[in-house]
Amino acid sequence: MQGEAFVESLIRDLETSQLDAREKELFRFVDKVNHQSPHITAADMAPLHAVGYDDEAIYYAITVCALFNFYNRWIDASGVHALSDEAHRMGGKRSAGMGYVRK
């Protein structure tokens, strides 16, 4: 499964998606960062360490989640119009082919 079908499967149900156990653990943690960040403790990071993530990787996951939250709230509050579904598809294809870092 690739592309939109893969993303839709993640949105629909992480637990039945094709992500491996390690990736699912990271997404569970990011969900907690997104919805319950004041309640995160070292115990929430233990499962990530158990599947091989180090503190740097956890830091980056938290940072990406925080930046997306910032960006979404900035967009909402400033009145910038959301991208169309087609623009999102084009951006996804570009990122899949070139990555997120522009050279």
N, C-alpha and C. Protein backbone atom coordinates (compact mmCIF):
# COMPACT_ATOMS: atom_id res chain seq x y z
N MET A 1 0.85 -1.17 0.00
CA MET A 1 0.00 0.00 0.00
C MET A 1 0.90 1.23 0.00
N GLN A 2 0.56 2.20 -0.84
CA GLN A 2 1.35 3.41 -0.94
C GLN A 2 0.44 4.62 -1.07
N GLY A 3 1.04 5.79 -1.03
CA GLY A 3 0.36 7.03 -1.33
C GLY A 3 -0.83 7.32 -0.44
N GLU A 4 -1.87 7.83 -1.07
CA GLU A 4 -3.05 8.27 -0.32
C GLU A 4 -3.70 7.14 0.46
N ALA A 5 -3.74 5.94 -0.10
CA ALA A 5 -4.36 4.82 0.60
C ALA A 5 -3.62 4.52 1.90
N PHE A 6 -2.31 4.61 1.86
CA PHE A 6 -1.50 4.38 3.06
C PHE A 6 -1.79 5.44 4.11
N VAL A 7 -1.80 6.71 3.69
CA VAL A 7 -2.07 7.80 4.63
C VAL A 7 -3.47 7.65 5.22
N GLU A 8 -4.44 7.34 4.38
CA GLU A 8 -5.81 7.15 4.86
C GLU A 8 -5.89 6.02 5.88
N SER A 9 -5.13 4.95 5.67
CA SER A 9 -5.15 3.84 6.63
C SER A 9 -4.59 4.28 7.98
N LEU A 10 -3.59 5.16 7.98
CA LEU A 10 -3.03 5.68 9.23
C LEU A 10 -4.03 6.57 9.95
N ILE A 11 -4.70 7.41 9.19
CA ILE A 11 -5.68 8.32 9.79
C ILE A 11 -6.86 7.53 10.35
N ARG A 12 -7.29 6.52 9.61
CA ARG A 12 -8.43 5.71 10.02
C ARG A 12 -8.14 4.93 11.29
N ASP A 13 -7.00 4.23 11.34
CA ASP A 13 -6.69 3.42 12.51
C ASP A 13 -5.21 3.06 12.52
N LEU A 14 -4.47 3.74 13.36
CA LEU A 14 -3.03 3.49 13.48
C LEU A 14 -2.75 2.03 13.75
N GLU A 15 -3.52 1.43 14.64
CA GLU A 15 -3.21 0.07 15.09
C GLU A 15 -3.35 -0.98 14.00
N THR A 16 -4.20 -0.76 13.02
CA THR A 16 -4.34 -1.73 11.93
C THR A 16 -3.59 -1.30 10.67
N SER A 17 -2.90 -0.17 10.74
CA SER A 17 -2.15 0.31 9.58
C SER A 17 -0.93 -0.58 9.33
N GLN A 18 -0.26 -0.34 8.22
CA GLN A 18 0.90 -1.13 7.84
C GLN A 18 2.20 -0.64 8.46
N LEU A 19 2.13 0.35 9.31
CA LEU A 19 3.35 0.76 10.01
C LEU A 19 3.86 -0.40 10.85
N ASP A 20 5.17 -0.45 11.04
CA ASP A 20 5.71 -1.49 11.91
C ASP A 20 5.52 -1.08 13.38
N ALA A 21 5.78 -1.99 14.29
CA ALA A 21 5.54 -1.76 15.72
C ALA A 21 6.34 -0.57 16.23
N ARG A 22 7.54 -0.41 15.75
CA ARG A 22 8.40 0.69 16.19
C ARG A 22 7.79 2.04 15.79
N GLU A 23 7.34 2.14 14.55
CA GLU A 23 6.74 3.38 14.07
C GLU A 23 5.43 3.67 14.79
N LYS A 24 4.64 2.64 15.04
CA LYS A 24 3.39 2.83 15.77
C LYS A 24 3.64 3.38 17.17
N GLU A 25 4.70 2.91 17.80
CA GLU A 25 5.04 3.41 19.14
C GLU A 25 5.33 4.91 19.08
N LEU A 26 6.05 5.33 18.06
CA LEU A 26 6.36 6.75 17.91
C LEU A 26 5.09 7.56 17.68
N PHE A 27 4.19 7.06 16.83
CA PHE A 27 2.95 7.78 16.57
C PHE A 27 2.06 7.85 17.81
N ARG A 28 2.05 6.81 18.62
CA ARG A 28 1.30 6.86 19.88
C ARG A 28 1.83 7.97 20.78
N PHE A 29 3.15 8.07 20.84
CA PHE A 29 3.77 9.11 21.66
C PHE A 29 3.44 10.49 21.11
N VAL A 30 3.55 10.67 19.80
CA VAL A 30 3.25 11.96 19.19
C VAL A 30 1.79 12.34 19.42
N ASP A 31 0.90 11.37 19.41
CA ASP A 31 -0.49 11.65 19.72
C ASP A 31 -0.63 12.21 21.14
N LYS A 32 0.12 11.65 22.07
CA LYS A 32 0.09 12.16 23.44
C LYS A 32 0.70 13.56 23.49
N VAL A 33 1.78 13.80 22.77
CA VAL A 33 2.36 15.14 22.70
C VAL A 33 1.31 16.13 22.18
N ASN A 34 0.57 15.70 21.19
CA ASN A 34 -0.42 16.57 20.56
C ASN A 34 -1.62 16.86 21.46
N HIS A 35 -2.03 15.90 22.26
CA HIS A 35 -3.27 16.05 23.02
C HIS A 35 -3.10 16.15 24.54
N GLN A 36 -1.97 15.69 25.07
CA GLN A 36 -1.81 15.65 26.53
C GLN A 36 -0.40 16.07 26.97
N SER A 37 0.19 17.01 26.28
CA SER A 37 1.59 17.34 26.55
C SER A 37 1.90 17.72 28.00
N PRO A 38 0.99 18.38 28.72
CA PRO A 38 1.35 18.71 30.11
C PRO A 38 1.51 17.49 31.02
N HIS A 39 1.01 16.35 30.57
CA HIS A 39 1.03 15.14 31.39
C HIS A 39 2.13 14.16 31.02
N ILE A 40 2.99 14.52 30.07
CA ILE A 40 4.05 13.61 29.64
C ILE A 40 5.14 13.55 30.71
N THR A 41 5.56 12.31 30.97
CA THR A 41 6.65 12.08 31.92
C THR A 41 7.70 11.18 31.26
N ALA A 42 8.76 10.95 31.98
CA ALA A 42 9.80 10.05 31.48
C ALA A 42 9.24 8.66 31.18
N ALA A 43 8.23 8.26 31.92
CA ALA A 43 7.61 6.94 31.70
C ALA A 43 6.99 6.84 30.30
N ASP A 44 6.54 7.96 29.75
CA ASP A 44 5.97 7.94 28.40
C ASP A 44 7.03 7.73 27.34
N MET A 45 8.27 8.02 27.67
CA MET A 45 9.37 7.85 26.71
C MET A 45 10.00 6.46 26.79
N ALA A 46 9.76 5.76 27.89
CA ALA A 46 10.35 4.43 28.06
C ALA A 46 10.00 3.47 26.93
N PRO A 47 8.74 3.42 26.46
CA PRO A 47 8.45 2.52 25.33
C PRO A 47 9.22 2.88 24.06
N LEU A 48 9.49 4.17 23.87
CA LEU A 48 10.27 4.59 22.70
C LEU A 48 11.71 4.13 22.83
N HIS A 49 12.27 4.28 24.01
CA HIS A 49 13.64 3.79 24.24
C HIS A 49 13.69 2.26 24.04
N ALA A 50 12.63 1.59 24.47
CA ALA A 50 12.60 0.12 24.37
C ALA A 50 12.63 -0.37 22.93
N VAL A 51 12.10 0.43 22.00
CA VAL A 51 12.11 0.02 20.58
C VAL A 51 13.23 0.68 19.79
N GLY A 52 14.15 1.35 20.50
CA GLY A 52 15.36 1.82 19.83
C GLY A 52 15.47 3.29 19.53
N TYR A 53 14.49 4.10 19.93
CA TYR A 53 14.62 5.53 19.71
C TYR A 53 15.49 6.12 20.81
N ASP A 54 16.39 7.03 20.43
CA ASP A 54 17.21 7.70 21.43
C ASP A 54 16.59 9.07 21.76
N ASP A 55 17.17 9.76 22.72
CA ASP A 55 16.61 11.04 23.16
C ASP A 55 16.57 12.06 22.04
N GLU A 56 17.56 12.03 21.16
CA GLU A 56 17.58 12.98 20.04
C GLU A 56 16.38 12.75 19.11
N ALA A 57 16.08 11.51 18.79
CA ALA A 57 14.94 11.20 17.93
C ALA A 57 13.63 11.63 18.59
N ILE A 58 13.53 11.40 19.89
CA ILE A 58 12.32 11.80 20.63
C ILE A 58 12.19 13.33 20.62
N TYR A 59 13.31 14.01 20.82
CA TYR A 59 13.32 15.48 20.77
C TYR A 59 12.81 15.96 19.42
N TYR A 60 13.28 15.36 18.34
CA TYR A 60 12.85 15.77 17.00
C TYR A 60 11.37 15.49 16.78
N ALA A 61 10.87 14.37 17.29
CA ALA A 61 9.44 14.06 17.16
C ALA A 61 8.60 15.11 17.89
N ILE A 62 9.02 15.47 19.09
CA ILE A 62 8.31 16.50 19.85
C ILE A 62 8.36 17.83 19.10
N THR A 63 9.51 18.17 18.56
CA THR A 63 9.69 19.44 17.86
C THR A 63 8.83 19.50 16.61
N VAL A 64 8.80 18.44 15.83
CA VAL A 64 7.97 18.43 14.61
C VAL A 64 6.50 18.59 14.98
N CYS A 65 6.06 17.87 15.99
CA CYS A 65 4.67 17.98 16.43
C CYS A 65 4.36 19.42 16.87
N ALA A 66 5.24 20.00 17.66
CA ALA A 66 5.04 21.37 18.15
C ALA A 66 5.01 22.37 17.00
N LEU A 67 5.90 22.21 16.04
CA LEU A 67 5.94 23.14 14.92
C LEU A 67 4.68 23.04 14.06
N PHE A 68 4.18 21.83 13.84
CA PHE A 68 2.94 21.68 13.08
C PHE A 68 1.78 22.32 13.82
N ASN A 69 1.74 22.17 15.15
CA ASN A 69 0.69 22.82 15.93
C ASN A 69 0.80 24.33 15.82
N PHE A 70 2.01 24.86 15.94
CA PHE A 70 2.22 26.30 15.78
C PHE A 70 1.73 26.76 14.41
N TYR A 71 2.17 26.08 13.38
CA TYR A 71 1.83 26.48 12.02
C TYR A 71 0.31 26.46 11.80
N ASN A 72 -0.34 25.39 12.25
CA ASN A 72 -1.79 25.30 12.07
C ASN A 72 -2.53 26.41 12.81
N ARG A 73 -2.11 26.73 14.02
CA ARG A 73 -2.76 27.79 14.77
C ARG A 73 -2.48 29.16 14.15
N TRP A 74 -1.28 29.36 13.62
CA TRP A 74 -0.95 30.61 12.96
C TRP A 74 -1.82 30.79 11.72
N ILE A 75 -1.95 29.72 10.94
CA ILE A 75 -2.79 29.76 9.74
C ILE A 75 -4.23 30.08 10.12
N ASP A 76 -4.77 29.38 11.12
CA ASP A 76 -6.15 29.60 11.54
C ASP A 76 -6.38 31.04 11.99
N ALA A 77 -5.48 31.55 12.83
CA ALA A 77 -5.68 32.87 13.43
C ALA A 77 -5.39 34.02 12.47
N SER A 78 -4.53 33.81 11.50
CA SER A 78 -4.15 34.90 10.60
C SER A 78 -5.04 35.01 9.37
N GLY A 79 -5.90 34.02 9.17
CA GLY A 79 -6.81 34.08 8.04
C GLY A 79 -6.23 33.62 6.73
N VAL A 80 -5.04 33.02 6.77
CA VAL A 80 -4.46 32.48 5.55
C VAL A 80 -5.32 31.30 5.09
N HIS A 81 -5.61 31.26 3.83
CA HIS A 81 -6.46 30.19 3.31
C HIS A 81 -5.71 28.86 3.26
N ALA A 82 -6.39 27.81 3.61
CA ALA A 82 -5.81 26.47 3.57
C ALA A 82 -5.53 26.07 2.11
N LEU A 83 -4.57 25.20 1.94
CA LEU A 83 -4.29 24.67 0.60
C LEU A 83 -5.42 23.74 0.17
N SER A 84 -5.64 23.66 -1.11
CA SER A 84 -6.64 22.74 -1.65
C SER A 84 -6.13 21.31 -1.52
N ASP A 85 -7.03 20.36 -1.64
CA ASP A 85 -6.63 18.95 -1.61
C ASP A 85 -5.59 18.66 -2.70
N GLU A 86 -5.78 19.25 -3.87
CA GLU A 86 -4.85 19.02 -4.97
C GLU A 86 -3.48 19.60 -4.65
N ALA A 87 -3.42 20.76 -4.04
CA ALA A 87 -2.13 21.35 -3.66
C ALA A 87 -1.42 20.47 -2.64
N HIS A 88 -2.19 19.90 -1.71
CA HIS A 88 -1.59 18.97 -0.74
C HIS A 88 -1.04 17.73 -1.44
N ARG A 89 -1.79 17.21 -2.41
CA ARG A 89 -1.31 16.05 -3.17
C ARG A 89 -0.01 16.37 -3.90
N MET A 90 0.05 17.51 -4.54
CA MET A 90 1.25 17.90 -5.27
C MET A 90 2.44 18.05 -4.31
N GLY A 91 2.19 18.65 -3.16
CA GLY A 91 3.26 18.80 -2.17
C GLY A 91 3.73 17.45 -1.65
N GLY A 92 2.79 16.54 -1.45
CA GLY A 92 3.15 15.19 -1.01
C GLY A 92 3.99 14.46 -2.04
N LYS A 93 3.64 14.60 -3.29
CA LYS A 93 4.42 13.96 -4.35
C LYS A 93 5.82 14.56 -4.43
N ARG A 94 5.90 15.88 -4.29
CA ARG A 94 7.20 16.56 -4.32
C ARG A 94 8.06 16.09 -3.14
N SER A 95 7.47 16.02 -1.95
CA SER A 95 8.22 15.58 -0.77
C SER A 95 8.64 14.13 -0.90
N ALA A 96 7.77 13.29 -1.46
CA ALA A 96 8.12 11.88 -1.64
C ALA A 96 9.29 11.72 -2.59
N GLY A 97 9.35 12.57 -3.61
CA GLY A 97 10.43 12.46 -4.59
C GLY A 97 11.71 13.17 -4.20
N MET A 98 11.58 14.28 -3.46
CA MET A 98 12.75 15.10 -3.16
C MET A 98 13.08 15.16 -1.66
N GLY A 99 12.16 14.71 -0.83
CA GLY A 99 12.36 14.84 0.61
C GLY A 99 11.88 16.21 1.08
N TYR A 100 12.05 16.46 2.37
CA TYR A 100 11.59 17.72 2.92
C TYR A 100 12.64 18.82 2.81
N VAL A 101 13.88 18.47 2.65
CA VAL A 101 14.96 19.45 2.60
C VAL A 101 15.17 19.87 1.15
N ARG A 102 15.04 21.14 0.93
CA ARG A 102 15.27 21.67 -0.43
C ARG A 102 16.75 21.99 -0.56
N LYS A 103 17.31 21.57 -1.67
CA LYS A 103 18.75 21.77 -1.89
C LYS A 103 19.01 22.89 -2.85
